[in-house]
PDB file of N, CA and C in Angstrom:
ATOM      1  N   GLN A   1      72.995  46.386 -27.484  1.00  0.00           N
ATOM      2  CA  GLN A   1      73.964  46.461 -26.781  1.00  0.00           C
ATOM      3  C   GLN A   1      73.604  47.486 -25.622  1.00  0.00           C
ATOM      4  N   VAL A   2      74.023  46.821 -24.264  1.00  0.00           N
ATOM      5  CA  VAL A   2      73.783  47.463 -23.239  1.00  0.00           C
ATOM      6  C   VAL A   2      74.324  48.612 -23.033  1.00  0.00           C
ATOM      7  N   GLN A   3      72.976  49.596 -21.882  1.00  0.00           N
ATOM      8  CA  GLN A   3      74.089  51.345 -21.671  1.00  0.00           C
ATOM      9  C   GLN A   3      73.398  51.548 -20.373  1.00  0.00           C
ATOM     10  N   PHE A   4      74.471  52.432 -20.021  1.00  0.00           N
ATOM     11  CA  PHE A   4      74.213  52.799 -19.042  1.00  0.00           C
ATOM     12  C   PHE A   4      74.493  54.141 -18.385  1.00  0.00           C
ATOM     13  N   VAL A   5      73.985  55.209 -18.045  1.00  0.00           N
ATOM     14  CA  VAL A   5      73.490  56.126 -17.360  1.00  0.00           C
ATOM     15  C   VAL A   5      73.705  56.452 -16.193  1.00  0.00           C
ATOM     16  N   GLU A   6      74.709  56.781 -15.393  1.00  0.00           N
ATOM     17  CA  GLU A   6      74.821  57.375 -14.069  1.00  0.00           C
ATOM     18  C   GLU A   6      74.617  58.936 -13.713  1.00  0.00           C
ATOM     19  N   SER A   7      73.924  59.118 -12.727  1.00  0.00           N
ATOM     20  CA  SER A   7      73.965  60.196 -12.077  1.00  0.00           C
ATOM     21  C   SER A   7      73.453  60.587 -10.879  1.00  0.00           C
ATOM     22  N   GLY A   8      73.522  61.333 -10.056  1.00  0.00           N
ATOM     23  CA  GLY A   8      73.561  61.744  -8.979  1.00  0.00           C
ATOM     24  C   GLY A   8      74.846  62.394  -8.012  1.00  0.00           C
ATOM     25  N   GLY A   9      75.997  62.260  -9.200  1.00  0.00           N
ATOM     26  CA  GLY A   9      77.247  62.859  -8.060  1.00  0.00           C
ATOM     27  C   GLY A   9      77.099  64.391  -7.954  1.00  0.00           C
ATOM     28  N   GLY A  10      78.144  65.006  -7.102  1.00  0.00           N
ATOM     29  CA  GLY A  10      78.641  66.070  -6.711  1.00  0.00           C
ATOM     30  C   GLY A  10      79.327  66.029  -6.132  1.00  0.00           C
ATOM     31  N   LEU A  11      79.383  67.614  -5.320  1.00  0.00           N
ATOM     32  CA  LEU A  11      80.139  67.697  -3.858  1.00  0.00           C
ATOM     33  C   LEU A  11      79.703  67.871  -3.153  1.00  0.00           C
ATOM     34  N   VAL A  12      80.455  67.266  -2.329  1.00  0.00           N
ATOM     35  CA  VAL A  12      79.356  66.954  -0.689  1.00  0.00           C
ATOM     36  C   VAL A  12      80.801  67.356   0.650  1.00  0.00           C
ATOM     37  N   GLN A  13      80.159  67.382   1.591  1.00  0.00           N
ATOM     38  CA  GLN A  13      81.485  67.827   2.345  1.00  0.00           C
ATOM     39  C   GLN A  13      81.922  66.356   2.880  1.00  0.00           C
ATOM     40  N   PRO A  14      82.675  66.276   3.350  1.00  0.00           N
ATOM     41  CA  PRO A  14      83.332  65.033   4.328  1.00  0.00           C
ATOM     42  C   PRO A  14      82.318  64.720   5.730  1.00  0.00           C
ATOM     43  N   GLY A  15      81.380  63.678   5.073  1.00  0.00           N
ATOM     44  CA  GLY A  15      80.586  63.013   6.056  1.00  0.00           C
ATOM     45  C   GLY A  15      78.876  63.413   5.990  1.00  0.00           C
ATOM     46  N   GLY A  16      79.075  63.469   4.714  1.00  0.00           N
ATOM     47  CA  GLY A  16      78.065  64.168   3.847  1.00  0.00           C
ATOM     48  C   GLY A  16      77.632  62.774   2.985  1.00  0.00           C
ATOM     49  N   SER A  17      76.056  62.949   2.797  1.00  0.00           N
ATOM     50  CA  SER A  17      75.667  61.698   1.897  1.00  0.00           C
ATOM     51  C   SER A  17      75.233  62.036   0.341  1.00  0.00           C
ATOM     52  N   LEU A  18      75.377  60.819  -0.557  1.00  0.00           N
ATOM     53  CA  LEU A  18      74.756  61.280  -1.968  1.00  0.00           C
ATOM     54  C   LEU A  18      74.396  59.889  -1.882  1.00  0.00           C
ATOM     55  N   ARG A  19      73.164  59.707  -2.831  1.00  0.00           N
ATOM     56  CA  ARG A  19      72.495  58.434  -3.667  1.00  0.00           C
ATOM     57  C   ARG A  19      72.752  58.722  -5.376  1.00  0.00           C
ATOM     58  N   LEU A  20      73.723  57.583  -5.816  1.00  0.00           N
ATOM     59  CA  LEU A  20      73.715  57.379  -7.227  1.00  0.00           C
ATOM     60  C   LEU A  20      72.895  56.579  -7.492  1.00  0.00           C
ATOM     61  N   SER A  21      72.528  56.939  -8.937  1.00  0.00           N
ATOM     62  CA  SER A  21      71.645  56.321  -9.915  1.00  0.00           C
ATOM     63  C   SER A  21      72.140  55.465 -11.098  1.00  0.00           C
ATOM     64  N   CYS A  22      71.445  54.389 -11.799  1.00  0.00           N
ATOM     65  CA  CYS A  22      72.605  54.048 -12.926  1.00  0.00           C
ATOM     66  C   CYS A  22      71.144  53.721 -13.692  1.00  0.00           C
ATOM     67  N   ALA A  23      70.949  54.191 -14.649  1.00  0.00           N
ATOM     68  CA  ALA A  23      69.490  53.715 -15.353  1.00  0.00           C
ATOM     69  C   ALA A  23      70.296  52.526 -16.475  1.00  0.00           C
ATOM     70  N   THR A  24      69.602  51.775 -16.825  1.00  0.00           N
ATOM     71  CA  THR A  24      70.114  50.824 -17.991  1.00  0.00           C
ATOM     72  C   THR A  24      69.351  50.796 -19.131  1.00  0.00           C
ATOM     73  N   SER A  25      69.329  50.370 -20.270  1.00  0.00           N
ATOM     74  CA  SER A  25      68.410  49.900 -21.091  1.00  0.00           C
ATOM     75  C   SER A  25      69.733  48.682 -22.158  1.00  0.00           C
ATOM     76  N   GLY A  26      69.027  48.414 -22.998  1.00  0.00           N
ATOM     77  CA  GLY A  26      69.680  47.108 -23.854  1.00  0.00           C
ATOM     78  C   GLY A  26      69.528  45.995 -23.544  1.00  0.00           C
ATOM     79  N   SER A  27      69.420  45.668 -22.099  1.00  0.00           N
ATOM     80  CA  SER A  27      69.169  44.211 -21.658  1.00  0.00           C
ATOM     81  C   SER A  27      67.700  43.720 -21.024  1.00  0.00           C
ATOM     82  N   ILE A  28      68.071  42.568 -20.028  1.00  0.00           N
ATOM     83  CA  ILE A  28      66.986  42.113 -19.696  1.00  0.00           C
ATOM     84  C   ILE A  28      67.772  42.315 -17.804  1.00  0.00           C
ATOM     85  N   PHE A  29      67.291  43.368 -17.645  1.00  0.00           N
ATOM     86  CA  PHE A  29      67.930  43.911 -16.112  1.00  0.00           C
ATOM     87  C   PHE A  29      67.925  43.136 -14.818  1.00  0.00           C
ATOM     88  N   ARG A  30      66.876  42.527 -14.909  1.00  0.00           N
ATOM     89  CA  ARG A  30      66.733  41.886 -13.621  1.00  0.00           C
ATOM     90  C   ARG A  30      67.259  40.564 -13.945  1.00  0.00           C
ATOM     91  N   ILE A  31      67.752  40.059 -14.805  1.00  0.00           N
ATOM     92  CA  ILE A  31      68.529  38.412 -15.166  1.00  0.00           C
ATOM     93  C   ILE A  31      69.978  38.484 -14.908  1.00  0.00           C
ATOM     94  N   TYR A  32      70.488  39.512 -14.535  1.00  0.00           N
ATOM     95  CA  TYR A  32      71.949  39.974 -14.134  1.00  0.00           C
ATOM     96  C   TYR A  32      72.324  40.679 -12.951  1.00  0.00           C
ATOM     97  N   ALA A  33      73.215  39.749 -12.449  1.00  0.00           N
ATOM     98  CA  ALA A  33      73.729  41.040 -11.377  1.00  0.00           C
ATOM     99  C   ALA A  33      74.289  42.107 -11.581  1.00  0.00           C
ATOM    100  N   MET A  34      74.359  42.955 -10.810  1.00  0.00           N
ATOM    101  CA  MET A  34      75.061  44.401 -11.191  1.00  0.00           C
ATOM    102  C   MET A  34      76.244  45.192 -10.274  1.00  0.00           C
ATOM    103  N   GLY A  35      76.760  45.724 -10.795  1.00  0.00           N
ATOM    104  CA  GLY A  35      78.236  46.416 -10.046  1.00  0.00           C
ATOM    105  C   GLY A  35      78.138  47.728 -10.082  1.00  0.00           C
ATOM    106  N   TRP A  36      78.916  48.519  -8.842  1.00  0.00           N
ATOM    107  CA  TRP A  36      79.455  50.066  -8.891  1.00  0.00           C
ATOM    108  C   TRP A  36      80.686  49.745  -8.923  1.00  0.00           C
ATOM    109  N   TYR A  37      81.453  50.687  -9.497  1.00  0.00           N
ATOM    110  CA  TYR A  37      82.952  50.853  -9.777  1.00  0.00           C
ATOM    111  C   TYR A  37      83.286  52.232  -9.775  1.00  0.00           C
ATOM    112  N   ARG A  38      84.409  52.747  -9.318  1.00  0.00           N
ATOM    113  CA  ARG A  38      85.347  53.654  -9.248  1.00  0.00           C
ATOM    114  C   ARG A  38      86.459  53.648  -9.497  1.00  0.00           C
ATOM    115  N   GLN A  39      86.750  55.146 -10.433  1.00  0.00           N
ATOM    116  CA  GLN A  39      87.902  55.532 -10.966  1.00  0.00           C
ATOM    117  C   GLN A  39      88.217  56.675  -9.806  1.00  0.00           C
ATOM    118  N   ALA A  40      89.146  56.826  -9.475  1.00  0.00           N
ATOM    119  CA  ALA A  40      89.516  58.401  -8.800  1.00  0.00           C
ATOM    120  C   ALA A  40      90.930  58.799  -9.647  1.00  0.00           C
ATOM    121  N   PRO A  41      91.136  59.825  -9.749  1.00  0.00           N
ATOM    122  CA  PRO A  41      92.338  60.513 -10.021  1.00  0.00           C
ATOM    123  C   PRO A  41      93.728  59.585 -10.564  1.00  0.00           C
ATOM    124  N   GLY A  42      94.086  59.576 -11.461  1.00  0.00           N
ATOM    125  CA  GLY A  42      95.515  58.651 -11.702  1.00  0.00           C
ATOM    126  C   GLY A  42      95.650  57.228 -10.854  1.00  0.00           C
ATOM    127  N   LYS A  43      93.812  56.890 -10.886  1.00  0.00           N
ATOM    128  CA  LYS A  43      94.592  55.332 -10.117  1.00  0.00           C
ATOM    129  C   LYS A  43      93.111  55.151 -11.656  1.00  0.00           C
ATOM    130  N   GLN A  44      94.170  53.153 -11.656  1.00  0.00           N
ATOM    131  CA  GLN A  44      92.854  52.488 -11.978  1.00  0.00           C
ATOM    132  C   GLN A  44      91.490  52.613 -11.803  1.00  0.00           C
ATOM    133  N   ARG A  45      90.628  51.888 -12.536  1.00  0.00           N
ATOM    134  CA  ARG A  45      89.543  51.868 -12.171  1.00  0.00           C
ATOM    135  C   ARG A  45      89.289  51.018 -10.888  1.00  0.00           C
ATOM    136  N   GLU A  46      88.461  50.693  -9.682  1.00  0.00           N
ATOM    137  CA  GLU A  46      88.460  49.733  -8.881  1.00  0.00           C
ATOM    138  C   GLU A  46      87.067  49.566  -8.452  1.00  0.00           C
ATOM    139  N   TRP A  47      86.644  47.940  -8.110  1.00  0.00           N
ATOM    140  CA  TRP A  47      85.288  47.700  -7.709  1.00  0.00           C
ATOM    141  C   TRP A  47      84.926  48.179  -6.511  1.00  0.00           C
ATOM    142  N   VAL A  48      83.448  48.580  -6.622  1.00  0.00           N
ATOM    143  CA  VAL A  48      82.944  48.982  -5.134  1.00  0.00           C
ATOM    144  C   VAL A  48      82.169  47.872  -4.564  1.00  0.00           C
ATOM    145  N   ALA A  49      80.886  47.864  -5.048  1.00  0.00           N
ATOM    146  CA  ALA A  49      80.174  46.837  -4.670  1.00  0.00           C
ATOM    147  C   ALA A  49      79.529  46.350  -5.979  1.00  0.00           C
ATOM    148  N   THR A  50      78.477  44.771  -5.124  1.00  0.00           N
ATOM    149  CA  THR A  50      77.750  43.933  -6.017  1.00  0.00           C
ATOM    150  C   THR A  50      76.658  44.066  -5.535  1.00  0.00           C
ATOM    151  N   ILE A  51      75.992  43.323  -6.399  1.00  0.00           N
ATOM    152  CA  ILE A  51      74.220  43.025  -5.770  1.00  0.00           C
ATOM    153  C   ILE A  51      73.768  42.113  -6.972  1.00  0.00           C
ATOM    154  N   THR A  52      73.415  40.928  -6.372  1.00  0.00           N
ATOM    155  CA  THR A  52      73.139  39.738  -7.283  1.00  0.00           C
ATOM    156  C   THR A  52      71.448  39.415  -7.435  1.00  0.00           C
ATOM    157  N   THR A  53      70.883  39.269  -8.643  1.00  0.00           N
ATOM    158  CA  THR A  53      69.639  38.984  -8.938  1.00  0.00           C
ATOM    159  C   THR A  53      68.757  38.648  -7.832  1.00  0.00           C
ATOM    160  N   GLY A  54      69.395  38.063  -6.555  1.00  0.00           N
ATOM    161  CA  GLY A  54      68.495  37.886  -5.632  1.00  0.00           C
ATOM    162  C   GLY A  54      68.756  38.542  -4.632  1.00  0.00           C
ATOM    163  N   GLY A  55      69.404  39.641  -4.999  1.00  0.00           N
ATOM    164  CA  GLY A  55      70.057  40.447  -3.381  1.00  0.00           C
ATOM    165  C   GLY A  55      70.715  40.825  -2.827  1.00  0.00           C
ATOM    166  N   ILE A  56      71.733  39.467  -3.041  1.00  0.00           N
ATOM    167  CA  ILE A  56      72.746  39.411  -1.845  1.00  0.00           C
ATOM    168  C   ILE A  56      73.753  40.604  -2.352  1.00  0.00           C
ATOM    169  N   THR A  57      74.252  41.222  -1.380  1.00  0.00           N
ATOM    170  CA  THR A  57      75.395  42.519  -1.761  1.00  0.00           C
ATOM    171  C   THR A  57      76.847  42.302  -1.135  1.00  0.00           C
ATOM    172  N   ASN A  58      77.486  42.691  -1.758  1.00  0.00           N
ATOM    173  CA  ASN A  58      78.720  42.741  -1.318  1.00  0.00           C
ATOM    174  C   ASN A  58      79.481  43.587  -1.589  1.00  0.00           C
ATOM    175  N   TYR A  59      80.633  44.224  -0.686  1.00  0.00           N
ATOM    176  CA  TYR A  59      81.071  45.586  -1.213  1.00  0.00           C
ATOM    177  C   TYR A  59      82.581  45.558  -0.963  1.00  0.00           C
ATOM    178  N   LEU A  60      83.460  46.380  -1.157  1.00  0.00           N
ATOM    179  CA  LEU A  60      84.984  46.885  -0.651  1.00  0.00           C
ATOM    180  C   LEU A  60      85.037  46.949   0.771  1.00  0.00           C
ATOM    181  N   ASP A  61      86.072  46.571   1.231  1.00  0.00           N
ATOM    182  CA  ASP A  61      86.369  46.788   2.467  1.00  0.00           C
ATOM    183  C   ASP A  61      86.253  48.016   2.870  1.00  0.00           C
ATOM    184  N   ALA A  62      86.805  49.516   2.283  1.00  0.00           N
ATOM    185  CA  ALA A  62      87.091  50.680   2.164  1.00  0.00           C
ATOM    186  C   ALA A  62      85.288  51.344   2.613  1.00  0.00           C
ATOM    187  N   VAL A  63      84.420  50.419   1.879  1.00  0.00           N
ATOM    188  CA  VAL A  63      83.141  51.260   2.030  1.00  0.00           C
ATOM    189  C   VAL A  63      81.982  50.544   2.985  1.00  0.00           C
ATOM    190  N   LYS A  64      82.716  49.386   3.360  1.00  0.00           N
ATOM    191  CA  LYS A  64      81.640  48.658   3.717  1.00  0.00           C
ATOM    192  C   LYS A  64      80.985  49.215   5.094  1.00  0.00           C
ATOM    193  N   GLY A  65      79.826  49.235   5.761  1.00  0.00           N
ATOM    194  CA  GLY A  65      78.869  50.110   6.527  1.00  0.00           C
ATOM    195  C   GLY A  65      78.825  51.516   5.789  1.00  0.00           C
ATOM    196  N   ARG A  66      78.914  51.851   5.142  1.00  0.00           N
ATOM    197  CA  ARG A  66      78.851  53.071   4.666  1.00  0.00           C
ATOM    198  C   ARG A  66      77.861  53.256   3.294  1.00  0.00           C
ATOM    199  N   PHE A  67      78.203  52.356   2.805  1.00  0.00           N
ATOM    200  CA  PHE A  67      77.636  52.353   1.202  1.00  0.00           C
ATOM    201  C   PHE A  67      76.546  51.265   0.561  1.00  0.00           C
ATOM    202  N   THR A  68      75.407  51.475   0.278  1.00  0.00           N
ATOM    203  CA  THR A  68      74.461  50.509   0.086  1.00  0.00           C
ATOM    204  C   THR A  68      73.954  50.315  -1.181  1.00  0.00           C
ATOM    205  N   ILE A  69      74.199  49.287  -1.789  1.00  0.00           N
ATOM    206  CA  ILE A  69      73.800  49.013  -2.855  1.00  0.00           C
ATOM    207  C   ILE A  69      72.581  48.393  -3.279  1.00  0.00           C
ATOM    208  N   SER A  70      71.562  48.773  -4.225  1.00  0.00           N
ATOM    209  CA  SER A  70      70.469  48.770  -4.409  1.00  0.00           C
ATOM    210  C   SER A  70      69.793  48.210  -5.943  1.00  0.00           C
ATOM    211  N   ARG A  71      68.617  47.655  -6.201  1.00  0.00           N
ATOM    212  CA  ARG A  71      68.191  47.310  -7.458  1.00  0.00           C
ATOM    213  C   ARG A  71      66.695  47.715  -7.671  1.00  0.00           C
ATOM    214  N   ASP A  72      65.955  48.156  -8.812  1.00  0.00           N
ATOM    215  CA  ASP A  72      64.626  48.144  -8.684  1.00  0.00           C
ATOM    216  C   ASP A  72      64.628  47.553 -10.306  1.00  0.00           C
ATOM    217  N   ASN A  73      64.303  46.422 -10.143  1.00  0.00           N
ATOM    218  CA  ASN A  73      63.976  45.854 -11.610  1.00  0.00           C
ATOM    219  C   ASN A  73      63.214  46.226 -12.275  1.00  0.00           C
ATOM    220  N   ALA A  74      61.798  46.519 -12.158  1.00  0.00           N
ATOM    221  CA  ALA A  74      60.660  47.746 -12.487  1.00  0.00           C
ATOM    222  C   ALA A  74      61.371  49.109 -13.310  1.00  0.00           C
ATOM    223  N   LYS A  75      62.336  49.103 -12.641  1.00  0.00           N
ATOM    224  CA  LYS A  75      62.730  50.578 -13.168  1.00  0.00           C
ATOM    225  C   LYS A  75      64.234  50.186 -13.824  1.00  0.00           C
ATOM    226  N   LYS A  76      64.553  49.339 -13.863  1.00  0.00           N
ATOM    227  CA  LYS A  76      65.855  48.907 -14.744  1.00  0.00           C
ATOM    228  C   LYS A  76      66.934  49.835 -14.041  1.00  0.00           C
ATOM    229  N   THR A  77      66.978  50.240 -13.309  1.00  0.00           N
ATOM    230  CA  THR A  77      67.648  51.042 -12.139  1.00  0.00           C
ATOM    231  C   THR A  77      68.400  50.569 -11.092  1.00  0.00           C
ATOM    232  N   LEU A  78      69.725  50.649 -11.143  1.00  0.00           N
ATOM    233  CA  LEU A  78      70.701  50.433  -9.290  1.00  0.00           C
ATOM    234  C   LEU A  78      70.867  51.632  -9.049  1.00  0.00           C
ATOM    235  N   TYR A  79      70.762  51.785  -7.783  1.00  0.00           N
ATOM    236  CA  TYR A  79      71.602  52.601  -6.481  1.00  0.00           C
ATOM    237  C   TYR A  79      72.346  52.239  -6.208  1.00  0.00           C
ATOM    238  N   LEU A  80      72.903  53.568  -5.507  1.00  0.00           N
ATOM    239  CA  LEU A  80      74.467  53.587  -4.320  1.00  0.00           C
ATOM    240  C   LEU A  80      74.142  54.553  -3.333  1.00  0.00           C
ATOM    241  N   GLN A  81      73.460  53.611  -2.363  1.00  0.00           N
ATOM    242  CA  GLN A  81      73.540  54.961  -0.963  1.00  0.00           C
ATOM    243  C   GLN A  81      74.879  55.747  -0.315  1.00  0.00           C
ATOM    244  N   MET A  82      75.377  56.383  -0.539  1.00  0.00           N
ATOM    245  CA  MET A  82      76.464  56.586   0.260  1.00  0.00           C
ATOM    246  C   MET A  82      76.305  57.278   1.660  1.00  0.00           C
ATOM    247  N   ASN A  83      76.691  57.375   2.411  1.00  0.00           N
ATOM    248  CA  ASN A  83      76.709  58.317   3.428  1.00  0.00           C
ATOM    249  C   ASN A  83      78.476  57.930   4.268  1.00  0.00           C
ATOM    250  N   SER A  84      78.407  59.049   5.736  1.00  0.00           N
ATOM    251  CA  SER A  84      79.510  59.207   5.873  1.00  0.00           C
ATOM    252  C   SER A  84      80.925  59.151   5.025  1.00  0.00           C
ATOM    253  N   LEU A  85      80.657  60.189   3.874  1.00  0.00           N
ATOM    254  CA  LEU A  85      81.502  59.943   2.926  1.00  0.00           C
ATOM    255  C   LEU A  85      82.922  61.061   3.190  1.00  0.00           C
ATOM    256  N   LYS A  86      83.880  60.115   3.032  1.00  0.00           N
ATOM    257  CA  LYS A  86      85.316  60.295   3.160  1.00  0.00           C
ATOM    258  C   LYS A  86      85.954  61.269   1.506  1.00  0.00           C
ATOM    259  N   PRO A  87      86.892  62.269   1.824  1.00  0.00           N
ATOM    260  CA  PRO A  87      87.567  62.719   1.064  1.00  0.00           C
ATOM    261  C   PRO A  87      88.605  60.934  -0.057  1.00  0.00           C
ATOM    262  N   GLU A  88      88.734  60.051   0.576  1.00  0.00           N
ATOM    263  CA  GLU A  88      89.223  59.672  -0.291  1.00  0.00           C
ATOM    264  C   GLU A  88      88.501  58.733  -1.278  1.00  0.00           C
ATOM    265  N   ASP A  89      86.992  58.698  -1.103  1.00  0.00           N
ATOM    266  CA  ASP A  89      85.748  58.254  -1.756  1.00  0.00           C
ATOM    267  C   ASP A  89      85.341  59.204  -2.834  1.00  0.00           C
ATOM    268  N   THR A  90      86.246  60.455  -3.482  1.00  0.00           N
ATOM    269  CA  THR A  90      86.388  61.361  -4.412  1.00  0.00           C
ATOM    270  C   THR A  90      86.942  60.084  -5.971  1.00  0.00           C
ATOM    271  N   ALA A  91      85.809  59.639  -6.372  1.00  0.00           N
ATOM    272  CA  ALA A  91      86.061  59.669  -7.837  1.00  0.00           C
ATOM    273  C   ALA A  91      85.081  59.560  -8.953  1.00  0.00           C
ATOM    274  N   VAL A  92      85.170  59.476  -9.898  1.00  0.00           N
ATOM    275  CA  VAL A  92      84.066  58.973 -11.158  1.00  0.00           C
ATOM    276  C   VAL A  92      83.839  57.408 -11.069  1.00  0.00           C
ATOM    277  N   TYR A  93      82.314  57.547 -10.612  1.00  0.00           N
ATOM    278  CA  TYR A  93      81.920  56.410 -10.484  1.00  0.00           C
ATOM    279  C   TYR A  93      80.612  56.154 -11.706  1.00  0.00           C
ATOM    280  N   TYR A  94      80.682  54.580 -11.701  1.00  0.00           N
ATOM    281  CA  TYR A  94      80.347  54.046 -13.478  1.00  0.00           C
ATOM    282  C   TYR A  94      79.601  52.545 -12.347  1.00  0.00           C
ATOM    283  N   CYS A  95      78.673  52.109 -13.172  1.00  0.00           N
ATOM    284  CA  CYS A  95      78.069  50.823 -13.347  1.00  0.00           C
ATOM    285  C   CYS A  95      78.260  49.994 -14.365  1.00  0.00           C
ATOM    286  N   ASN A  96      77.822  48.596 -14.050  1.00  0.00           N
ATOM    287  CA  ASN A  96      77.933  47.643 -15.084  1.00  0.00           C
ATOM    288  C   ASN A  96      77.314  45.935 -14.731  1.00  0.00           C
ATOM    289  N   GLN A  97      76.907  46.051 -16.097  1.00  0.00           N
ATOM    290  CA  GLN A  97      76.435  44.637 -15.500  1.00  0.00           C
ATOM    291  C   GLN A  97      77.554  43.336 -15.852  1.00  0.00           C
ATOM    292  N   LEU A  98      77.152  42.350 -14.720  1.00  0.00           N
ATOM    293  CA  LEU A  98      78.202  41.360 -14.527  1.00  0.00           C
ATOM    294  C   LEU A  98      77.820  39.963 -15.650  1.00  0.00           C
ATOM    295  N   SER A  99      78.893  39.363 -15.657  1.00  0.00           N
ATOM    296  CA  SER A  99      78.627  37.851 -16.065  1.00  0.00           C
ATOM    297  C   SER A  99      78.622  37.225 -14.915  1.00  0.00           C
ATOM    298  N   ARG A 100      78.486  35.877 -15.902  1.00  0.00           N
ATOM    299  CA  ARG A 100      78.203  34.640 -14.655  1.00  0.00           C
ATOM    300  C   ARG A 100      79.403  34.633 -13.470  1.00  0.00           C
ATOM    301  N   THR A 101      80.546  35.335 -13.938  1.00  0.00           N
ATOM    302  CA  THR A 101      82.033  35.370 -13.779  1.00  0.00           C
ATOM    303  C   THR A 101      82.374  36.463 -13.235  1.00  0.00           C
ATOM    304  N   ASP A 102      81.099  37.339 -13.044  1.00  0.00           N
ATOM    305  CA  ASP A 102      81.339  38.457 -12.343  1.00  0.00           C
ATOM    306  C   ASP A 102      82.406  39.542 -13.018  1.00  0.00           C
ATOM    307  N   VAL A 103      82.532  38.904 -14.267  1.00  0.00           N
ATOM    308  CA  VAL A 103      83.126  40.528 -15.108  1.00  0.00           C
ATOM    309  C   VAL A 103      81.888  40.956 -15.665  1.00  0.00           C
ATOM    310  N   PRO A 104      82.412  42.015 -16.023  1.00  0.00           N
ATOM    311  CA  PRO A 104      82.162  43.187 -16.212  1.00  0.00           C
ATOM    312  C   PRO A 104      82.010  43.411 -17.879  1.00  0.00           C
ATOM    313  N   THR A 105      81.028  43.952 -18.395  1.00  0.00           N
ATOM    314  CA  THR A 105      80.550  43.986 -19.593  1.00  0.00           C
ATOM    315  C   THR A 105      81.581  44.938 -20.601  1.00  0.00           C
ATOM    316  N   ASP A 106      82.252  45.511 -21.199  1.00  0.00           N
ATOM    317  CA  ASP A 106      82.849  46.449 -22.080  1.00  0.00           C
ATOM    318  C   ASP A 106      82.401  47.407 -22.479  1.00  0.00           C
ATOM    319  N   SER A 107      80.913  47.639 -21.822  1.00  0.00           N
ATOM    320  CA  SER A 107      80.331  49.113 -22.117  1.00  0.00           C
ATOM    321  C   SER A 107      80.031  49.592 -21.450  1.00  0.00           C
ATOM    322  N   TRP A 108      80.596  50.759 -21.359  1.00  0.00           N
ATOM    323  CA  TRP A 108      81.121  51.903 -20.005  1.00  0.00           C
ATOM    324  C   TRP A 108      79.508  53.309 -20.467  1.00  0.00           C
ATOM    325  N   GLY A 109      79.268  53.279 -19.402  1.00  0.00           N
ATOM    326  CA  GLY A 109      79.018  54.967 -19.541  1.00  0.00           C
ATOM    327  C   GLY A 109      79.663  55.762 -19.138  1.00  0.00           C
ATOM    328  N   GLN A 110      78.881  57.108 -19.566  1.00  0.00           N
ATOM    329  CA  GLN A 110      80.183  58.484 -18.783  1.00  0.00           C
ATOM    330  C   GLN A 110      80.150  58.426 -17.013  1.00  0.00           C
ATOM    331  N   GLY A 111      79.610  57.497 -16.595  1.00  0.00           N
ATOM    332  CA  GLY A 111      79.700  57.578 -14.963  1.00  0.00           C
ATOM    333  C   GLY A 111      79.584  59.330 -14.482  1.00  0.00           C
ATOM    334  N   THR A 112      79.325  59.359 -13.358  1.00  0.00           N
ATOM    335  CA  THR A 112      78.758  60.796 -12.659  1.00  0.00           C
ATOM    336  C   THR A 112      79.932  60.784 -11.474  1.00  0.00           C
ATOM    337  N   GLN A 113      80.237  61.823 -11.563  1.00  0.00           N
ATOM    338  CA  GLN A 113      81.463  62.680 -10.325  1.00  0.00           C
ATOM    339  C   GLN A 113      81.130  62.502  -9.223  1.00  0.00           C
ATOM    340  N   VAL A 114      81.797  62.404  -8.135  1.00  0.00           N
ATOM    341  CA  VAL A 114      81.299  62.839  -6.883  1.00  0.00           C
ATOM    342  C   VAL A 114      82.870  62.977  -5.796  1.00  0.00           C
ATOM    343  N   ALA A 115      82.738  64.061  -5.778  1.00  0.00           N
ATOM    344  CA  ALA A 115      84.173  65.023  -5.122  1.00  0.00           C
ATOM    345  C   ALA A 115      83.268  65.579  -3.416  1.00  0.00           C
ATOM    346  N   VAL A 116      84.352  65.016  -2.565  1.00  0.00           N
ATOM    347  CA  VAL A 116      84.070  64.490  -0.946  1.00  0.00           C
ATOM    348  C   VAL A 116      85.203  66.038  -0.752  1.00  0.00           C
ATOM    349  N   SER A 117      84.920  66.602  -0.136  1.00  0.00           N
ATOM    350  CA  SER A 117      85.899  68.180   0.151  1.00  0.00           C
ATOM    351  C   SER A 117      84.809  68.850   0.931  1.00  0.00           C
ATOM    352  N   SER A 118      85.836  69.561   2.335  1.00  0.00           N
ATOM    353  CA  SER A 118      85.510  70.829   2.330  1.00  0.00           C
ATOM    354  C   SER A 118      85.713  72.190   2.049  1.00  0.00           C
TER     355      SER A 118
END
């Protein structure tokens, strides 16, 4: 079964940056599209960004121009570079592997907490 280990979160001031990482195991990483998701306190989990096997990216409108998703197939690792962070970006961030219809698996990691506050 595929497993995900997210890391890189922390407390940052508004306007700051963080780089999240997601190490995967249990699947052939390079053949799947991958996505980042987040869940803010009291809210449902929402999709943030996707990267296809060919490197095509797509973003939630609220993070376009500030976040960059990337992948290293050799390391089986997914990244999310987050710049110009805002308080509304505060959430637990998760990664997941996507099916051909962009549906994430049922296997979620523990996530990594991002807190944006002055």
